[in-house]
N, C-alpha and C. Protein backbone atom coordinates (compact mmCIF):
# COMPACT_ATOMS: atom_id res chain seq x y z
N MET A 1 150.25 -41.48 -61.77
CA MET A 1 150.25 -42.39 -62.90
C MET A 1 149.34 -43.57 -62.54
N SER A 2 148.36 -43.82 -63.40
CA SER A 2 147.45 -44.94 -63.11
C SER A 2 148.03 -46.22 -63.66
N THR A 3 147.91 -47.28 -62.86
CA THR A 3 148.33 -48.59 -63.32
C THR A 3 147.17 -49.55 -63.09
N PHE A 4 147.09 -50.52 -63.95
CA PHE A 4 146.02 -51.51 -63.85
C PHE A 4 146.50 -52.68 -63.01
N THR A 5 145.70 -53.03 -62.03
CA THR A 5 146.03 -54.18 -61.19
C THR A 5 145.46 -55.44 -61.83
N ARG A 6 145.94 -56.57 -61.36
CA ARG A 6 145.46 -57.86 -61.85
C ARG A 6 143.96 -58.00 -61.58
N GLU A 7 143.52 -57.52 -60.43
CA GLU A 7 142.10 -57.61 -60.08
C GLU A 7 141.24 -56.77 -61.02
N GLU A 8 141.75 -55.60 -61.42
CA GLU A 8 141.00 -54.76 -62.36
C GLU A 8 140.87 -55.43 -63.72
N ILE A 9 141.93 -56.08 -64.17
CA ILE A 9 141.88 -56.78 -65.45
C ILE A 9 140.87 -57.92 -65.38
N GLU A 10 140.89 -58.67 -64.28
CA GLU A 10 139.92 -59.76 -64.10
C GLU A 10 138.50 -59.21 -64.08
N HIS A 11 138.30 -58.07 -63.42
CA HIS A 11 136.97 -57.45 -63.35
C HIS A 11 136.51 -57.00 -64.74
N LEU A 12 137.41 -56.40 -65.51
CA LEU A 12 137.06 -55.99 -66.88
C LEU A 12 136.69 -57.20 -67.72
N GLY A 13 137.43 -58.29 -67.56
CA GLY A 13 137.12 -59.51 -68.28
C GLY A 13 135.75 -60.05 -67.93
N SER A 14 135.40 -60.02 -66.64
CA SER A 14 134.08 -60.52 -66.24
C SER A 14 132.97 -59.60 -66.72
N LEU A 15 133.21 -58.29 -66.70
CA LEU A 15 132.20 -57.35 -67.21
C LEU A 15 131.92 -57.58 -68.69
N SER A 16 132.97 -57.89 -69.44
CA SER A 16 132.80 -58.10 -70.88
C SER A 16 132.52 -59.56 -71.22
N ARG A 17 132.37 -60.38 -70.18
CA ARG A 17 132.05 -61.81 -70.35
C ARG A 17 133.10 -62.52 -71.20
N ILE A 18 134.37 -62.21 -70.91
CA ILE A 18 135.48 -62.85 -71.60
C ILE A 18 136.28 -63.63 -70.56
N ALA A 19 136.42 -64.91 -70.78
CA ALA A 19 137.22 -65.74 -69.89
C ALA A 19 138.69 -65.53 -70.22
N LEU A 20 139.45 -65.03 -69.26
CA LEU A 20 140.86 -64.75 -69.48
C LEU A 20 141.72 -65.74 -68.72
N THR A 21 142.74 -66.24 -69.38
CA THR A 21 143.70 -67.12 -68.71
C THR A 21 144.68 -66.25 -67.92
N ASP A 22 145.47 -66.89 -67.05
CA ASP A 22 146.47 -66.16 -66.29
C ASP A 22 147.48 -65.46 -67.20
N GLN A 23 147.87 -66.14 -68.29
CA GLN A 23 148.81 -65.54 -69.24
C GLN A 23 148.20 -64.32 -69.91
N GLU A 24 146.92 -64.40 -70.29
CA GLU A 24 146.26 -63.26 -70.95
C GLU A 24 146.13 -62.09 -69.99
N ILE A 25 145.81 -62.38 -68.73
CA ILE A 25 145.69 -61.30 -67.74
C ILE A 25 147.03 -60.59 -67.56
N THR A 26 148.11 -61.37 -67.45
CA THR A 26 149.44 -60.79 -67.29
C THR A 26 149.82 -59.95 -68.52
N ARG A 27 149.55 -60.49 -69.71
CA ARG A 27 149.88 -59.75 -70.95
C ARG A 27 149.05 -58.47 -71.05
N LEU A 28 147.74 -58.56 -70.79
CA LEU A 28 146.87 -57.38 -70.87
C LEU A 28 147.26 -56.34 -69.84
N GLN A 29 147.65 -56.78 -68.66
CA GLN A 29 148.06 -55.84 -67.63
C GLN A 29 149.25 -55.02 -68.11
N GLY A 30 150.23 -55.69 -68.71
CA GLY A 30 151.40 -54.97 -69.23
C GLY A 30 151.02 -54.02 -70.36
N GLU A 31 150.18 -54.50 -71.29
CA GLU A 31 149.80 -53.66 -72.44
C GLU A 31 148.98 -52.45 -71.99
N LEU A 32 148.03 -52.67 -71.09
CA LEU A 32 147.20 -51.54 -70.64
C LEU A 32 148.00 -50.54 -69.83
N ASN A 33 148.99 -51.01 -69.08
CA ASN A 33 149.83 -50.07 -68.33
C ASN A 33 150.71 -49.25 -69.26
N VAL A 34 151.18 -49.83 -70.35
CA VAL A 34 151.96 -49.07 -71.33
C VAL A 34 151.07 -48.00 -71.96
N ILE A 35 149.83 -48.35 -72.29
CA ILE A 35 148.89 -47.38 -72.87
C ILE A 35 148.60 -46.27 -71.88
N ALA A 36 148.38 -46.63 -70.61
CA ALA A 36 148.10 -45.62 -69.58
C ALA A 36 149.29 -44.68 -69.41
N GLN A 37 150.52 -45.21 -69.47
CA GLN A 37 151.70 -44.36 -69.36
C GLN A 37 151.79 -43.39 -70.54
N ALA A 38 151.47 -43.86 -71.73
CA ALA A 38 151.50 -42.99 -72.92
C ALA A 38 150.47 -41.87 -72.79
N ILE A 39 149.29 -42.21 -72.29
CA ILE A 39 148.25 -41.19 -72.10
C ILE A 39 148.70 -40.16 -71.08
N ASN A 40 149.30 -40.62 -69.99
CA ASN A 40 149.79 -39.69 -68.97
C ASN A 40 150.86 -38.77 -69.52
N LYS A 41 151.73 -39.30 -70.38
CA LYS A 41 152.79 -38.48 -70.97
C LYS A 41 152.19 -37.39 -71.87
N VAL A 42 151.18 -37.74 -72.64
CA VAL A 42 150.52 -36.76 -73.51
C VAL A 42 149.83 -35.69 -72.66
N GLN A 43 149.20 -36.11 -71.57
CA GLN A 43 148.52 -35.14 -70.71
C GLN A 43 149.50 -34.18 -70.04
N GLU A 44 150.72 -34.63 -69.79
CA GLU A 44 151.73 -33.75 -69.22
C GLU A 44 152.13 -32.66 -70.21
N VAL A 45 152.23 -33.02 -71.48
CA VAL A 45 152.69 -32.08 -72.50
C VAL A 45 151.58 -31.12 -72.90
N ALA A 46 150.37 -31.62 -73.01
CA ALA A 46 149.26 -30.79 -73.46
C ALA A 46 148.90 -29.79 -72.38
N GLY A 47 149.05 -28.51 -72.70
CA GLY A 47 148.71 -27.46 -71.75
C GLY A 47 147.36 -26.84 -72.10
N ASP A 48 147.02 -25.82 -71.34
CA ASP A 48 145.75 -25.14 -71.60
C ASP A 48 145.74 -24.40 -72.93
N ASP A 49 146.93 -24.07 -73.45
CA ASP A 49 147.00 -23.34 -74.71
C ASP A 49 146.90 -24.26 -75.93
N VAL A 50 146.88 -25.58 -75.72
CA VAL A 50 146.78 -26.54 -76.82
C VAL A 50 145.33 -26.98 -76.95
N LEU A 51 144.73 -26.68 -78.10
CA LEU A 51 143.33 -27.04 -78.31
C LEU A 51 143.21 -28.52 -78.64
N PRO A 52 142.21 -29.19 -78.07
CA PRO A 52 142.02 -30.60 -78.43
C PRO A 52 141.59 -30.73 -79.88
N THR A 53 142.08 -31.76 -80.55
CA THR A 53 141.74 -31.97 -81.94
C THR A 53 141.75 -33.45 -82.25
N ALA A 54 140.87 -33.86 -83.14
CA ALA A 54 140.82 -35.25 -83.56
C ALA A 54 141.62 -35.45 -84.84
N ASN A 55 141.81 -34.37 -85.60
CA ASN A 55 142.52 -34.46 -86.87
C ASN A 55 143.29 -33.16 -87.07
N PRO A 56 144.57 -33.21 -87.35
CA PRO A 56 145.33 -31.97 -87.51
C PRO A 56 144.96 -31.17 -88.75
N ILE A 57 144.32 -31.82 -89.70
CA ILE A 57 143.92 -31.14 -90.93
C ILE A 57 142.40 -30.95 -90.87
N PRO A 58 141.91 -29.70 -91.00
CA PRO A 58 140.46 -29.50 -90.95
C PRO A 58 139.76 -30.28 -92.06
N LEU A 59 138.73 -30.98 -91.68
CA LEU A 59 137.96 -31.75 -92.66
C LEU A 59 136.74 -30.95 -93.08
N GLU A 60 136.52 -30.89 -94.36
CA GLU A 60 135.37 -30.18 -94.88
C GLU A 60 134.61 -31.12 -95.82
N ALA A 61 133.31 -31.00 -95.80
CA ALA A 61 132.50 -31.80 -96.70
C ALA A 61 132.36 -31.03 -98.02
N TYR A 62 132.87 -31.63 -99.06
CA TYR A 62 132.76 -31.00 -100.38
C TYR A 62 131.54 -31.60 -101.07
N MET A 63 130.53 -30.78 -101.24
CA MET A 63 129.30 -31.25 -101.85
C MET A 63 129.04 -30.47 -103.13
N ARG A 64 128.51 -31.15 -104.10
CA ARG A 64 128.19 -30.47 -105.34
C ARG A 64 126.94 -29.63 -105.12
N PRO A 65 126.75 -28.59 -105.90
CA PRO A 65 125.54 -27.77 -105.75
C PRO A 65 124.29 -28.58 -106.09
N ASP A 66 123.23 -28.32 -105.40
CA ASP A 66 121.96 -29.01 -105.65
C ASP A 66 121.25 -28.29 -106.79
N VAL A 67 121.33 -28.87 -107.98
CA VAL A 67 120.75 -28.26 -109.16
C VAL A 67 119.63 -29.17 -109.67
N ALA A 68 118.46 -28.58 -109.85
CA ALA A 68 117.32 -29.35 -110.34
C ALA A 68 117.56 -29.73 -111.80
N GLU A 69 117.25 -30.97 -112.13
CA GLU A 69 117.38 -31.45 -113.51
C GLU A 69 116.06 -32.08 -113.93
N THR A 70 115.89 -32.22 -115.22
CA THR A 70 114.69 -32.84 -115.74
C THR A 70 114.73 -34.33 -115.45
N PRO A 71 113.71 -34.88 -114.79
CA PRO A 71 113.72 -36.31 -114.47
C PRO A 71 113.51 -37.15 -115.73
N LEU A 72 113.83 -38.45 -115.60
CA LEU A 72 113.61 -39.38 -116.71
C LEU A 72 112.11 -39.57 -116.92
N THR A 73 111.74 -39.79 -118.15
CA THR A 73 110.35 -40.17 -118.42
C THR A 73 110.18 -41.63 -118.02
N GLN A 74 108.93 -42.07 -117.94
CA GLN A 74 108.67 -43.46 -117.58
C GLN A 74 109.30 -44.40 -118.61
N GLU A 75 109.19 -44.06 -119.87
CA GLU A 75 109.76 -44.90 -120.92
C GLU A 75 111.28 -44.97 -120.80
N GLN A 76 111.93 -43.85 -120.51
CA GLN A 76 113.39 -43.84 -120.35
C GLN A 76 113.81 -44.70 -119.15
N ALA A 77 113.07 -44.57 -118.05
CA ALA A 77 113.41 -45.34 -116.85
C ALA A 77 113.26 -46.83 -117.09
N LEU A 78 112.24 -47.23 -117.80
CA LEU A 78 111.97 -48.64 -118.04
C LEU A 78 112.76 -49.22 -119.21
N SER A 79 113.47 -48.37 -119.96
CA SER A 79 114.15 -48.84 -121.17
C SER A 79 115.25 -49.87 -120.88
N GLY A 80 115.88 -49.82 -119.74
CA GLY A 80 116.94 -50.77 -119.43
C GLY A 80 116.49 -51.92 -118.56
N ALA A 81 115.20 -51.96 -118.23
CA ALA A 81 114.69 -53.02 -117.35
C ALA A 81 114.62 -54.35 -118.10
N PRO A 82 115.01 -55.46 -117.43
CA PRO A 82 114.90 -56.76 -118.09
C PRO A 82 113.45 -57.14 -118.34
N LEU A 83 112.54 -56.67 -117.48
CA LEU A 83 111.13 -57.00 -117.66
C LEU A 83 110.29 -55.87 -117.08
N ALA A 84 109.36 -55.36 -117.88
CA ALA A 84 108.44 -54.32 -117.43
C ALA A 84 107.04 -54.71 -117.87
N ILE A 85 106.08 -54.58 -116.93
CA ILE A 85 104.68 -54.91 -117.23
C ILE A 85 103.82 -53.77 -116.72
N ASP A 86 102.92 -53.29 -117.58
CA ASP A 86 101.99 -52.20 -117.24
C ASP A 86 102.72 -50.96 -116.71
N GLY A 87 103.86 -50.63 -117.31
CA GLY A 87 104.58 -49.40 -116.93
C GLY A 87 105.33 -49.52 -115.61
N MET A 88 105.57 -50.74 -115.11
CA MET A 88 106.29 -50.94 -113.84
C MET A 88 107.39 -51.97 -114.04
N PHE A 89 108.41 -51.88 -113.18
CA PHE A 89 109.45 -52.90 -113.17
C PHE A 89 108.85 -54.20 -112.68
N GLU A 90 109.20 -55.29 -113.30
CA GLU A 90 108.77 -56.61 -112.85
C GLU A 90 109.99 -57.33 -112.30
N ALA A 91 109.87 -57.83 -111.07
CA ALA A 91 110.98 -58.52 -110.42
C ALA A 91 110.51 -59.88 -109.94
N PRO A 92 111.42 -60.83 -109.79
CA PRO A 92 111.03 -62.14 -109.31
C PRO A 92 110.51 -62.06 -107.87
N ARG A 93 109.59 -62.94 -107.54
CA ARG A 93 109.04 -62.99 -106.20
C ARG A 93 110.13 -63.44 -105.23
N MET A 94 110.20 -62.76 -104.09
CA MET A 94 111.26 -63.06 -103.12
C MET A 94 110.75 -63.85 -101.91
N LEU A 95 109.50 -63.69 -101.53
CA LEU A 95 109.03 -64.23 -100.26
C LEU A 95 108.06 -65.38 -100.41
N GLY A 96 108.01 -66.02 -101.53
CA GLY A 96 107.15 -67.18 -101.68
C GLY A 96 105.83 -66.85 -102.34
N GLU A 97 104.91 -67.76 -102.23
CA GLU A 97 103.62 -67.66 -102.91
C GLU A 97 102.62 -66.84 -102.09
N GLU A 98 101.60 -66.33 -102.78
CA GLU A 98 100.54 -65.59 -102.10
C GLU A 98 99.55 -66.54 -101.49
């Protein structure tokens, strides 16, 4: 059973550039040891006959069929535009003057 020592917690904190107080180190040590115990318990139960899985329900991507359709004409595309000039959408300038 792996347990986290105080020195390991301090080392993890320094690696992640997080300043930990003595109280935080003590609390994290307890929390990480509980997590490690839970992982060890699962590893004891899981045998070679149990397949690893991330989700008990198989996930499938449901995609609609790719069916070609007639595209919009230029007039149809521009019909809802607030401003169109010379057959193009006109938008306000974003980056300043030329």
